Amino acid sequence: MKTIDDNDTIAKVLDGDYNAFEALVEKYQGRVYRHLRKMVKDAQLSEDLLQETFLNAYKGLAGFSGASSFSTWLFRIATNTALMFLRKQRPESVEYDDAIRNDLYYSRMSAPREFVQTPAEIMLSAEGRQKIEEAIESLPLLYRTVLVLRDVEGFSLEEVSQIVDTSVAAVKSRLHRARNAVREQLIDYYDEKRLASAKAL
């Protein structure tokens, strides 16, 4: 089955086939909703922001230059939509100082050997995945955002930098800190699991 290119669909929309935009909505709404849900942590609010994201995308579609992929452009709109809301409603969740966060959250900048050797079956268990989700949820917003965009949605570092409107170097720094913060929070959990597994042998 031939995959329809996003640019072909966009061309149809711009030519007056407004129903073609629904194809883009259907293709991306699940991923965009998941991204927004990670940012704002509220199901109904994520739905509202999802609608606003696609409305903004539709209104701005004529300005899409094609310099980036449509998905990168769309996720930037979604990210900006969420950040604008959060800055108005919950400014404390957006504003932070990197140096302070570095001192508070990221004192250990590399994963211990014991963590790296954690059995895959533990990490991939339902409980293990839940612990990972909880660790990601606890991250500061902008660190959480780059982690989800890179490691969950699979965007490249360059694409993430475009989406969050910062340099690749800044994305790398935030991503490094986010990953290590997640590891930090999971160490105790996995240590307990390894001990339990060892005792059961």
Protein backbone atom coordinates (compact mmCIF):
# COMPACT_ATOMS: atom_id res chain seq x y z
CA MET A 1 0.00 0.00 0.00
CA LYS A 2 1.41 3.38 -1.04
CA THR A 3 2.02 5.86 1.76
CA ILE A 4 0.69 9.33 1.04
CA ASP A 5 3.34 11.99 1.60
CA ASP A 6 2.42 14.77 4.03
CA ASN A 7 3.42 17.41 1.50
CA ASP A 8 0.97 15.95 -1.03
CA THR A 9 -1.80 16.15 1.56
CA ILE A 10 -0.83 19.71 2.46
CA ALA A 11 -0.91 20.70 -1.20
CA LYS A 12 -4.46 19.36 -1.45
CA VAL A 13 -5.54 21.37 1.58
CA LEU A 14 -4.00 24.54 0.18
CA ASP A 15 -5.72 23.87 -3.14
CA GLY A 16 -9.07 23.97 -1.37
CA ASP A 17 -9.60 20.34 -0.39
CA TYR A 18 -10.27 21.16 3.25
CA ASN A 19 -11.29 17.58 4.02
CA ALA A 20 -7.73 16.50 3.30
CA PHE A 21 -6.65 18.13 6.55
CA GLU A 22 -8.59 15.42 8.37
CA ALA A 23 -6.04 12.91 7.08
CA LEU A 24 -3.28 14.83 8.84
CA VAL A 25 -5.35 15.01 12.02
CA GLU A 26 -5.99 11.27 11.97
CA LYS A 27 -2.32 10.53 11.31
CA TYR A 28 -0.88 12.66 14.09
CA GLN A 29 -3.51 13.23 16.74
CA GLY A 30 -2.50 10.22 18.82
CA ARG A 31 1.16 11.20 18.98
CA VAL A 32 0.43 14.88 19.57
CA TYR A 33 -2.05 14.06 22.33
CA ARG A 34 0.52 11.81 24.04
CA HIS A 35 3.08 14.62 23.84
CA LEU A 36 0.67 17.18 25.28
CA ARG A 37 -0.41 14.74 28.00
CA LYS A 38 3.21 14.43 29.10
CA MET A 39 3.55 18.19 29.20
CA VAL A 40 0.39 19.21 31.07
CA LYS A 41 -0.50 15.97 32.90
CA ASP A 42 -4.24 16.46 32.49
CA ALA A 43 -6.42 14.47 30.09
CA GLN A 44 -9.15 17.05 29.44
CA LEU A 45 -6.68 19.90 29.13
CA SER A 46 -4.63 17.82 26.70
CA GLU A 47 -7.75 17.31 24.57
CA ASP A 48 -8.39 21.07 24.56
CA LEU A 49 -4.79 21.84 23.64
CA LEU A 50 -4.90 19.16 20.94
CA GLN A 51 -7.83 20.89 19.28
CA GLU A 52 -6.09 24.25 19.60
CA THR A 53 -2.91 22.80 18.11
CA PHE A 54 -4.66 21.53 14.98
CA LEU A 55 -6.65 24.73 14.67
CA ASN A 56 -3.43 26.74 14.79
CA ALA A 57 -1.81 24.35 12.32
CA TYR A 58 -4.72 24.68 9.92
CA LYS A 59 -4.66 28.48 10.13
CA GLY A 60 -0.91 28.59 9.64
CA LEU A 61 -0.59 25.89 7.00
CA ALA A 62 0.01 28.39 4.20
CA GLY A 63 3.11 29.50 6.09
CA PHE A 64 4.57 25.98 6.27
CA SER A 65 7.73 26.27 4.19
CA GLY A 66 8.74 22.63 4.13
CA ALA A 67 12.16 23.48 5.57
CA SER A 68 11.43 20.88 8.25
CA SER A 69 9.12 17.89 8.20
CA PHE A 70 5.44 18.52 8.82
CA SER A 71 5.62 16.46 12.02
CA THR A 72 8.43 18.66 13.38
CA TRP A 73 6.45 21.79 12.51
CA LEU A 74 3.28 20.37 14.07
CA PHE A 75 5.00 19.32 17.29
CA ARG A 76 6.53 22.78 17.59
CA ILE A 77 3.02 24.25 17.41
CA ALA A 78 1.82 21.76 20.02
CA THR A 79 4.75 22.50 22.32
CA ASN A 80 4.31 26.26 22.01
CA THR A 81 0.56 25.93 22.60
CA ALA A 82 1.16 24.00 25.81
CA LEU A 83 3.94 26.30 27.00
CA MET A 84 1.84 29.41 26.40
CA PHE A 85 -0.95 27.92 28.49
CA LEU A 86 1.38 26.82 31.26
CA ARG A 87 3.14 30.17 31.42
CA LYS A 88 -0.24 31.83 31.98
CA GLN A 89 -1.71 29.28 34.38
CA ARG A 90 1.28 27.66 36.08
CA PRO A 91 4.39 29.81 35.57
CA GLU A 92 6.25 27.92 38.28
CA SER A 93 6.11 24.76 36.14
CA VAL A 94 7.93 26.42 33.25
CA GLU A 95 10.44 28.82 34.76
CA TYR A 96 13.55 27.34 36.30
CA ASP A 97 17.25 27.93 36.49
CA ASP A 98 19.48 25.29 34.89
CA ALA A 99 22.23 25.71 37.44
CA ILE A 100 19.85 25.24 40.36
CA ARG A 101 18.20 22.24 38.73
CA ASN A 102 21.63 20.79 38.07
CA ASP A 103 22.52 21.00 41.76
CA LEU A 104 19.18 19.65 42.95
CA TYR A 105 18.54 16.84 40.49
CA TYR A 106 21.70 15.82 38.72
CA SER A 107 24.54 15.36 41.19
CA ARG A 108 25.35 11.93 39.75
CA MET A 109 25.93 12.39 36.03
CA SER A 110 26.53 8.77 35.03
CA ALA A 111 24.56 5.62 35.65
CA PRO A 112 26.12 3.19 38.14
CA ARG A 113 27.27 -0.16 36.83
CA GLU A 114 24.58 -1.95 38.82
CA PHE A 115 21.85 -0.02 37.01
CA VAL A 116 23.31 -0.77 33.58
CA GLN A 117 23.34 -4.47 34.42
CA THR A 118 19.67 -4.56 35.40
CA PRO A 119 17.99 -7.53 33.65
CA ALA A 120 15.87 -6.53 30.67
CA GLU A 121 12.89 -8.54 31.92
CA ILE A 122 12.73 -6.33 35.02
CA MET A 123 12.99 -3.09 33.05
CA LEU A 124 10.37 -4.25 30.54
CA SER A 125 7.88 -5.57 33.10
CA ALA A 126 4.59 -3.74 33.56
CA GLU A 127 5.73 -2.53 36.97
CA GLY A 128 9.10 -1.50 35.57
CA ARG A 129 7.49 0.52 32.79
CA GLN A 130 5.24 2.20 35.36
CA LYS A 131 8.27 3.19 37.44
CA ILE A 132 9.93 4.63 34.35
CA GLU A 133 6.77 6.60 33.54
CA GLU A 134 6.67 7.95 37.09
CA ALA A 135 10.33 8.97 36.89
CA ILE A 136 9.73 10.81 33.61
CA GLU A 137 6.61 12.51 35.02
CA SER A 138 8.64 13.90 37.93
CA LEU A 139 11.13 15.72 35.68
CA PRO A 140 10.99 19.51 35.29
CA LEU A 141 8.82 20.39 32.29
CA LEU A 142 11.43 21.38 29.74
CA TYR A 143 13.65 18.40 30.56
CA ARG A 144 10.65 16.10 30.37
CA THR A 145 9.70 17.60 27.03
CA VAL A 146 13.04 16.97 25.32
CA LEU A 147 13.23 13.44 26.76
CA VAL A 148 9.79 12.53 25.42
CA LEU A 149 10.44 14.12 22.01
CA ARG A 150 13.78 12.33 21.59
CA ASP A 151 13.32 8.99 23.33
CA VAL A 152 9.58 8.38 22.98
CA GLU A 153 8.62 10.17 19.77
CA GLY A 154 11.94 9.47 18.07
CA PHE A 155 12.76 12.95 16.77
CA SER A 156 16.41 13.68 15.99
CA LEU A 157 18.36 16.13 18.14
CA GLU A 158 18.11 18.69 15.35
CA GLU A 159 14.34 18.23 15.13
CA VAL A 160 13.95 18.52 18.90
CA SER A 161 15.95 21.76 18.83
CA GLN A 162 13.54 23.12 16.21
CA ILE A 163 10.48 22.02 18.17
CA VAL A 164 11.56 23.57 21.47
CA ASP A 165 13.30 26.51 19.76
CA THR A 166 16.73 26.16 21.30
CA SER A 167 20.20 25.04 20.23
CA VAL A 168 21.22 21.44 19.66
CA ALA A 169 23.80 21.89 22.43
CA ALA A 170 21.07 22.93 24.87
CA VAL A 171 18.94 19.94 23.85
CA LYS A 172 21.88 17.59 24.40
CA SER A 173 22.49 19.08 27.84
CA ARG A 174 18.84 18.83 28.91
CA LEU A 175 18.53 15.32 27.49
CA HIS A 176 21.67 14.14 29.27
CA ARG A 177 20.44 15.52 32.57
CA ALA A 178 16.93 14.15 32.06
CA ARG A 179 18.15 10.64 31.29
CA ASN A 180 20.43 10.59 34.31
CA ALA A 181 17.71 11.97 36.56
CA VAL A 182 15.44 9.11 35.45
CA ARG A 183 18.22 6.61 36.14
CA GLU A 184 18.82 8.18 39.54
CA GLN A 185 15.21 7.68 40.57
CA LEU A 186 15.12 4.09 39.37
CA ILE A 187 18.25 2.85 41.11
CA ASP A 188 16.59 1.91 44.40
CA TYR A 189 13.68 0.20 42.66
CA TYR A 190 15.91 -1.96 40.49
CA ASP A 191 18.24 -2.76 43.38
CA GLU A 192 15.27 -4.11 45.32
CA LYS A 193 14.13 -6.17 42.33
CA ARG A 194 17.58 -7.66 41.80
CA LEU A 195 17.85 -8.62 45.46
CA ALA A 196 14.42 -10.22 45.38
CA SER A 197 15.33 -12.17 42.24
CA ALA A 198 18.61 -13.33 43.77
CA LYS A 199 16.88 -14.55 46.94
CA ALA A 200 14.35 -16.49 44.88
CA LEU A 201 17.06 -18.53 43.16
